[in-house]
Protein backbone atom coordinates (compact mmCIF):
# COMPACT_ATOMS: atom_id res chain seq x y z
CA UNK A 1 20.55 -1.60 -5.06
CA UNK A 2 22.45 1.62 -5.64
CA UNK A 3 21.21 2.15 -9.21
CA UNK A 4 17.90 1.47 -10.94
CA UNK A 5 19.22 1.96 -14.47
CA UNK A 6 18.79 -1.16 -16.59
CA UNK A 7 16.82 -2.93 -13.87
CA UNK A 8 13.26 -4.30 -14.27
CA UNK A 9 10.55 -3.43 -11.76
CA UNK A 10 7.09 -4.96 -11.40
CA UNK A 11 4.54 -2.74 -9.64
CA UNK A 12 0.99 -3.69 -8.64
CA UNK A 13 -1.68 -1.02 -8.37
CA UNK A 14 0.29 1.08 -10.87
CA UNK A 15 -2.80 2.68 -12.41
CA UNK A 16 -2.79 5.56 -9.91
CA UNK A 17 -1.37 6.91 -6.69
CA UNK A 18 1.91 5.68 -5.22
CA UNK A 19 2.23 2.85 -7.75
CA UNK A 20 1.91 5.20 -10.71
CA UNK A 21 4.27 7.79 -9.21
CA UNK A 22 6.87 5.13 -8.45
CA UNK A 23 6.66 3.78 -12.00
CA UNK A 24 7.33 7.25 -13.38
CA UNK A 25 10.17 7.89 -10.92
CA UNK A 26 11.83 4.60 -11.90
CA UNK A 27 11.38 5.27 -15.62
CA UNK A 28 13.21 8.58 -15.16
CA UNK A 29 16.10 6.57 -13.74
CA UNK A 30 16.18 4.18 -16.70
CA UNK A 31 14.35 1.28 -15.09
CA UNK A 32 12.20 -0.96 -17.31
CA UNK A 33 8.69 -1.67 -16.03
CA UNK A 34 6.06 -4.39 -15.83
CA UNK A 35 3.10 -2.49 -14.41
CA UNK A 36 -0.17 -4.04 -13.31
CA UNK A 37 -3.57 -2.93 -12.10
CA UNK A 38 -7.05 -4.40 -11.93
CA UNK A 39 -8.25 -1.61 -14.23
CA UNK A 40 -7.17 -1.57 -17.88
CA UNK A 41 -8.32 2.04 -18.16
CA UNK A 42 -6.09 3.12 -15.28
CA UNK A 43 -3.14 1.23 -16.75
CA UNK A 44 -3.54 3.00 -20.07
CA UNK A 45 -3.26 6.38 -18.32
CA UNK A 46 0.00 5.33 -16.70
CA UNK A 47 1.33 3.94 -19.97
CA UNK A 48 0.75 7.32 -21.64
CA UNK A 49 2.73 9.02 -18.88
CA UNK A 50 5.60 6.56 -19.35
CA UNK A 51 5.74 7.03 -23.11
CA UNK A 52 8.17 9.93 -22.68
CA UNK A 53 10.93 7.72 -21.29
CA UNK A 54 13.27 5.38 -23.22
CA UNK A 55 12.42 2.26 -21.22
CA UNK A 56 10.51 -0.90 -22.04
CA UNK A 57 7.06 -1.03 -20.48
CA UNK A 58 4.70 -4.00 -20.35
CA UNK A 59 1.21 -3.78 -18.86
CA UNK A 60 -0.74 -6.54 -17.15
CA UNK A 61 -4.34 -6.57 -15.92
CA UNK A 62 -4.06 -8.43 -12.62
CA UNK A 63 -6.35 -9.06 -9.66
CA UNK A 64 -3.81 -9.52 -6.86
CA UNK A 65 -6.29 -11.56 -4.82
CA UNK A 66 -6.05 -14.26 -7.54
CA UNK A 67 -2.97 -16.35 -6.78
CA UNK A 68 -2.73 -17.94 -10.20
CA UNK A 69 -3.02 -14.53 -11.87
CA UNK A 70 -0.16 -13.14 -9.76
CA UNK A 71 2.10 -16.10 -10.57
CA UNK A 72 1.31 -15.65 -14.26
CA UNK A 73 2.18 -11.96 -13.91
CA UNK A 74 5.58 -12.89 -12.49
CA UNK A 75 6.27 -15.42 -15.25
CA UNK A 76 5.07 -13.06 -17.98
CA UNK A 77 7.30 -10.28 -16.62
CA UNK A 78 10.39 -12.47 -16.95
CA UNK A 79 9.30 -13.73 -20.36
CA UNK A 80 8.87 -10.19 -21.71
CA UNK A 81 11.82 -8.52 -19.97
CA UNK A 82 14.27 -11.37 -19.46
CA UNK A 83 14.51 -10.77 -15.71
CA UNK A 84 12.93 -8.90 -12.82
CA UNK A 85 14.77 -7.06 -10.03
CA UNK A 86 12.02 -5.35 -8.07
CA UNK A 87 8.50 -6.28 -7.03
CA UNK A 88 6.48 -3.53 -5.40
CA UNK A 89 3.37 -4.99 -3.80
CA UNK A 90 1.37 -1.79 -3.70
CA UNK A 91 -2.24 -2.61 -4.68
CA UNK A 92 -4.65 -2.02 -1.83
CA UNK A 93 -8.20 -1.11 -0.80
CA UNK A 94 -9.86 0.37 2.27
CA UNK A 95 -12.84 -0.53 4.44
CA UNK A 96 -14.58 1.43 7.18
CA UNK A 97 -16.72 -0.74 9.46
CA UNK A 98 -16.90 -1.73 13.12
CA UNK A 99 -15.91 -5.24 14.15
CA UNK A 100 -19.44 -6.01 15.36
CA UNK A 101 -21.14 -4.88 12.17
CA UNK A 102 -18.54 -6.01 9.65
CA UNK A 103 -19.58 -8.71 7.23
CA UNK A 104 -17.22 -11.61 6.59
CA UNK A 105 -17.55 -10.83 2.90
CA UNK A 106 -16.07 -7.35 3.40
CA UNK A 107 -13.37 -8.63 5.74
CA UNK A 108 -12.28 -11.36 3.33
CA UNK A 109 -12.40 -8.96 0.34
CA UNK A 110 -9.95 -6.61 2.03
CA UNK A 111 -7.64 -9.31 3.39
CA UNK A 112 -7.49 -11.08 0.04
CA UNK A 113 -6.20 -7.91 -1.62
CA UNK A 114 -4.21 -6.12 1.10
CA UNK A 115 -2.58 -9.14 2.72
CA UNK A 116 -2.79 -12.17 0.46
CA UNK A 117 -1.99 -10.00 -2.56
CA UNK A 118 1.31 -9.10 -0.86
CA UNK A 119 2.01 -12.73 0.01
CA UNK A 120 1.28 -13.91 -3.54
CA UNK A 121 3.39 -11.14 -5.05
CA UNK A 122 6.31 -11.87 -2.76
CA UNK A 123 6.31 -15.63 -3.27
CA UNK A 124 5.65 -15.48 -7.01
CA UNK A 125 8.48 -13.03 -7.71
CA UNK A 126 11.06 -14.11 -5.11
CA UNK A 127 12.56 -17.02 -7.13
CA UNK A 128 12.94 -14.70 -10.14
CA UNK A 129 14.59 -12.01 -8.00
CA UNK A 130 17.09 -14.54 -6.71
CA UNK A 131 17.98 -15.50 -10.27
CA UNK A 132 18.60 -11.87 -11.21
CA UNK A 133 21.82 -10.05 -10.42
CA UNK A 134 20.14 -8.32 -7.48
CA UNK A 135 16.61 -7.84 -6.21
CA UNK A 136 14.38 -5.96 -3.80
CA UNK A 137 10.87 -6.56 -2.46
CA UNK A 138 8.87 -3.44 -1.55
CA UNK A 139 5.77 -4.24 0.49
CA UNK A 140 3.36 -1.40 1.21
CA UNK A 141 1.98 -1.53 4.72
CA UNK A 142 0.68 1.68 6.32
CA UNK A 143 0.93 3.82 9.42
CA UNK A 144 -2.16 1.74 10.27
CA UNK A 145 0.29 -1.16 10.45
CA UNK A 146 1.73 0.64 13.48
CA UNK A 147 -1.37 1.96 15.29
CA UNK A 148 -4.89 0.59 15.61
CA UNK A 149 -7.85 2.83 14.75
CA UNK A 150 -11.60 2.40 15.42
CA UNK A 151 -13.62 1.29 12.35
CA UNK A 152 -10.37 0.19 10.66
CA UNK A 153 -9.95 -3.27 12.19
CA UNK A 154 -9.79 -5.11 8.85
CA UNK A 155 -7.36 -2.60 7.35
CA UNK A 156 -5.30 -2.67 10.55
CA UNK A 157 -5.25 -6.47 10.54
CA UNK A 158 -3.98 -6.57 6.95
CA UNK A 159 -1.37 -3.84 7.36
CA UNK A 160 -0.04 -5.19 10.67
CA UNK A 161 0.21 -8.57 8.94
CA UNK A 162 2.13 -7.09 6.00
CA UNK A 163 4.54 -5.49 8.44
CA UNK A 164 5.20 -8.73 10.33
CA UNK A 165 5.41 -10.77 7.14
CA UNK A 166 7.95 -8.38 5.60
CA UNK A 167 10.08 -8.05 8.72
CA UNK A 168 10.32 -11.83 8.98
CA UNK A 169 11.09 -12.09 5.27
CA UNK A 170 13.87 -9.49 5.55
CA UNK A 171 15.46 -11.40 8.43
CA UNK A 172 15.42 -14.63 6.41
CA UNK A 173 16.95 -12.93 3.38
CA UNK A 174 19.70 -11.37 5.49
CA UNK A 175 20.48 -14.74 7.10
CA UNK A 176 20.79 -16.30 3.64
CA UNK A 177 23.27 -13.60 2.70
CA UNK A 178 22.15 -13.30 -0.91
CA UNK A 179 21.56 -10.22 -3.05
CA UNK A 180 17.82 -9.90 -2.44
CA UNK A 181 16.38 -7.65 0.26
CA UNK A 182 13.01 -6.34 1.45
CA UNK A 183 11.55 -3.12 2.84
CA UNK A 184 8.30 -2.53 4.73
CA UNK A 185 6.74 0.82 3.77
CA UNK A 186 4.43 2.75 6.11
CA UNK A 187 2.76 5.73 4.44
CA UNK A 188 0.68 8.22 6.37
CA UNK A 189 -1.92 10.23 4.48
CA UNK A 190 -0.99 10.20 0.80
CA UNK A 191 -3.18 11.95 -1.77
CA UNK A 192 -4.46 8.85 -3.60
CA UNK A 193 -7.85 7.43 -4.63
CA UNK A 194 -7.92 4.80 -1.89
CA UNK A 195 -10.65 6.56 0.12
CA UNK A 196 -12.90 6.94 -2.95
CA UNK A 197 -12.32 3.30 -3.91
CA UNK A 198 -12.96 2.00 -0.40
CA UNK A 199 -16.00 0.22 0.94
CA UNK A 200 -17.87 2.00 3.71
CA UNK A 201 -19.82 -0.48 5.79
CA UNK A 202 -21.76 0.02 9.00
CA UNK A 203 -19.71 2.23 11.33
CA UNK A 204 -22.64 2.86 13.67
CA UNK A 205 -22.46 6.25 15.34
CA UNK A 206 -18.66 6.31 14.98
CA UNK A 207 -18.93 7.33 11.33
CA UNK A 208 -17.98 10.82 10.22
CA UNK A 209 -20.17 10.99 7.14
CA UNK A 210 -20.87 9.12 3.95
CA UNK A 211 -18.23 7.85 1.52
CA UNK A 212 -17.91 11.17 -0.31
CA UNK A 213 -17.61 13.11 2.95
CA UNK A 214 -14.84 10.80 4.13
CA UNK A 215 -13.03 10.95 0.78
CA UNK A 216 -13.19 14.76 0.77
CA UNK A 217 -11.88 14.91 4.33
CA UNK A 218 -9.06 12.47 3.53
CA UNK A 219 -7.95 14.58 0.58
CA UNK A 220 -7.86 17.69 2.75
CA UNK A 221 -5.77 16.15 5.54
CA UNK A 222 -3.48 13.97 3.39
CA UNK A 223 -0.07 15.58 3.78
CA UNK A 224 2.02 13.77 1.17
CA UNK A 225 1.87 13.63 -2.63
CA UNK A 226 2.39 10.32 -4.44
CA UNK A 227 5.51 11.79 -6.04
CA UNK A 228 7.05 12.56 -2.65
CA UNK A 229 6.08 9.10 -1.41
CA UNK A 230 7.77 7.49 -4.43
CA UNK A 231 10.96 9.50 -3.86
CA UNK A 232 11.03 8.49 -0.18
CA UNK A 233 10.47 4.81 -0.99
CA UNK A 234 13.16 4.61 -3.66
CA UNK A 235 15.65 6.40 -1.39
CA UNK A 236 14.93 3.75 1.27
CA UNK A 237 15.53 0.96 -1.27
CA UNK A 238 18.88 2.46 -2.27
CA UNK A 239 19.87 2.59 1.40
CA UNK A 240 18.47 -0.92 1.99
CA UNK A 241 16.25 0.24 4.85
CA UNK A 242 14.21 -2.35 6.69
CA UNK A 243 11.33 0.06 7.30
CA UNK A 244 10.44 3.47 5.93
CA UNK A 245 7.89 5.98 7.20
CA UNK A 246 6.35 8.15 4.48
CA UNK A 247 5.17 11.62 5.48
CA UNK A 248 5.44 13.79 8.56
CA UNK A 249 2.17 12.41 9.91
CA UNK A 250 3.52 8.86 9.74
CA UNK A 251 6.61 9.92 11.67
CA UNK A 252 4.46 11.73 14.26
CA UNK A 253 2.12 8.77 14.77
CA UNK A 254 5.00 6.30 14.95
CA UNK A 255 6.66 8.48 17.60
CA UNK A 256 3.40 8.74 19.54
CA UNK A 257 3.03 4.96 19.52
CA UNK A 258 6.60 4.51 20.74
CA UNK A 259 6.12 7.01 23.57
CA UNK A 260 2.56 5.87 24.44
CA UNK A 261 2.26 2.21 23.36
CA UNK A 262 -1.26 1.93 24.81
CA UNK A 263 -1.94 5.55 25.76
CA UNK A 264 -2.48 6.56 22.13
CA UNK A 265 -5.52 4.29 22.12
CA UNK A 266 -7.16 6.39 24.84
CA UNK A 267 -6.59 9.53 22.79
CA UNK A 268 -8.33 7.93 19.82
CA UNK A 269 -11.18 6.79 22.06
CA UNK A 270 -11.72 10.37 23.24
CA UNK A 271 -11.73 11.64 19.66
CA UNK A 272 -14.26 9.07 18.50
CA UNK A 273 -16.49 9.63 21.54
CA UNK A 274 -16.61 13.32 20.64
CA UNK A 275 -17.64 12.31 17.14
CA UNK A 276 -20.40 10.13 18.60
CA UNK A 277 -21.65 13.15 20.53
CA UNK A 278 -21.74 15.26 17.37
CA UNK A 279 -23.58 12.51 15.52
CA UNK A 280 -26.13 12.22 18.32
CA UNK A 281 -26.82 15.96 18.30
CA UNK A 282 -27.24 15.92 14.52
CA UNK A 283 -29.62 12.98 14.76
CA UNK A 284 -31.72 14.74 17.42
CA UNK A 285 -31.95 17.88 15.29
CA UNK A 286 -33.07 15.74 12.36
CA UNK A 287 -35.86 14.20 14.45
CA UNK A 288 -36.91 17.62 15.75
């Protein structure tokens, strides 16, 4: 897909962050949009930002964990726009909790959005993409789909699954030889609201603070803006890349994993053990 002008793109989680930035970047290139989010209020903010561009925009309140709702979103997109060329499965949530302490409710909540939402979006839109002149599926995984991290087992499970799902899908599409392709996207730290919208369960003494502390820390260390992420993703689509790393930190962590496939785990263990020591000292001071 060398040009986005005149195409139609559907984007989940378009009320903020990477989804919103990608919608704006596509609108600048003349791409019509069917944006969705679980929050009507967030959608309205994005719609106002898109009002400056001469493209058709439809908005859809969608819970991506609801399969019927996602299929309706796909059908409504084609009804309103006549076709759809791109589906960007971007909506996602976070969860911090150890495997031992994690509730099944939290695990299923995250998987239903971060993994099944991608599956539903892919399968609901794929037939429509094949009927269009050309199509592309953009599935947002994460650098946590490349490395495992303590307290992130559910998020890791979902993002590793998205990676495997998308790589298999891309192979099938290439074998078919049609005009639809797929890209797996692996962002590092991007300045979005995901940390503030995450659930923080029981991380035991591996935690680094409450939800606000973690969100503040994430914002400080996040290296990439949503606008830069959107630019990187769309460049990868134009070049038909199978996988794209977003941000210098994603490239660094991917390289570390390649050089130290299991050794990187020991480094993380050392880091988290140091955090445990700090937490223990703080707790002792509190008792004193």
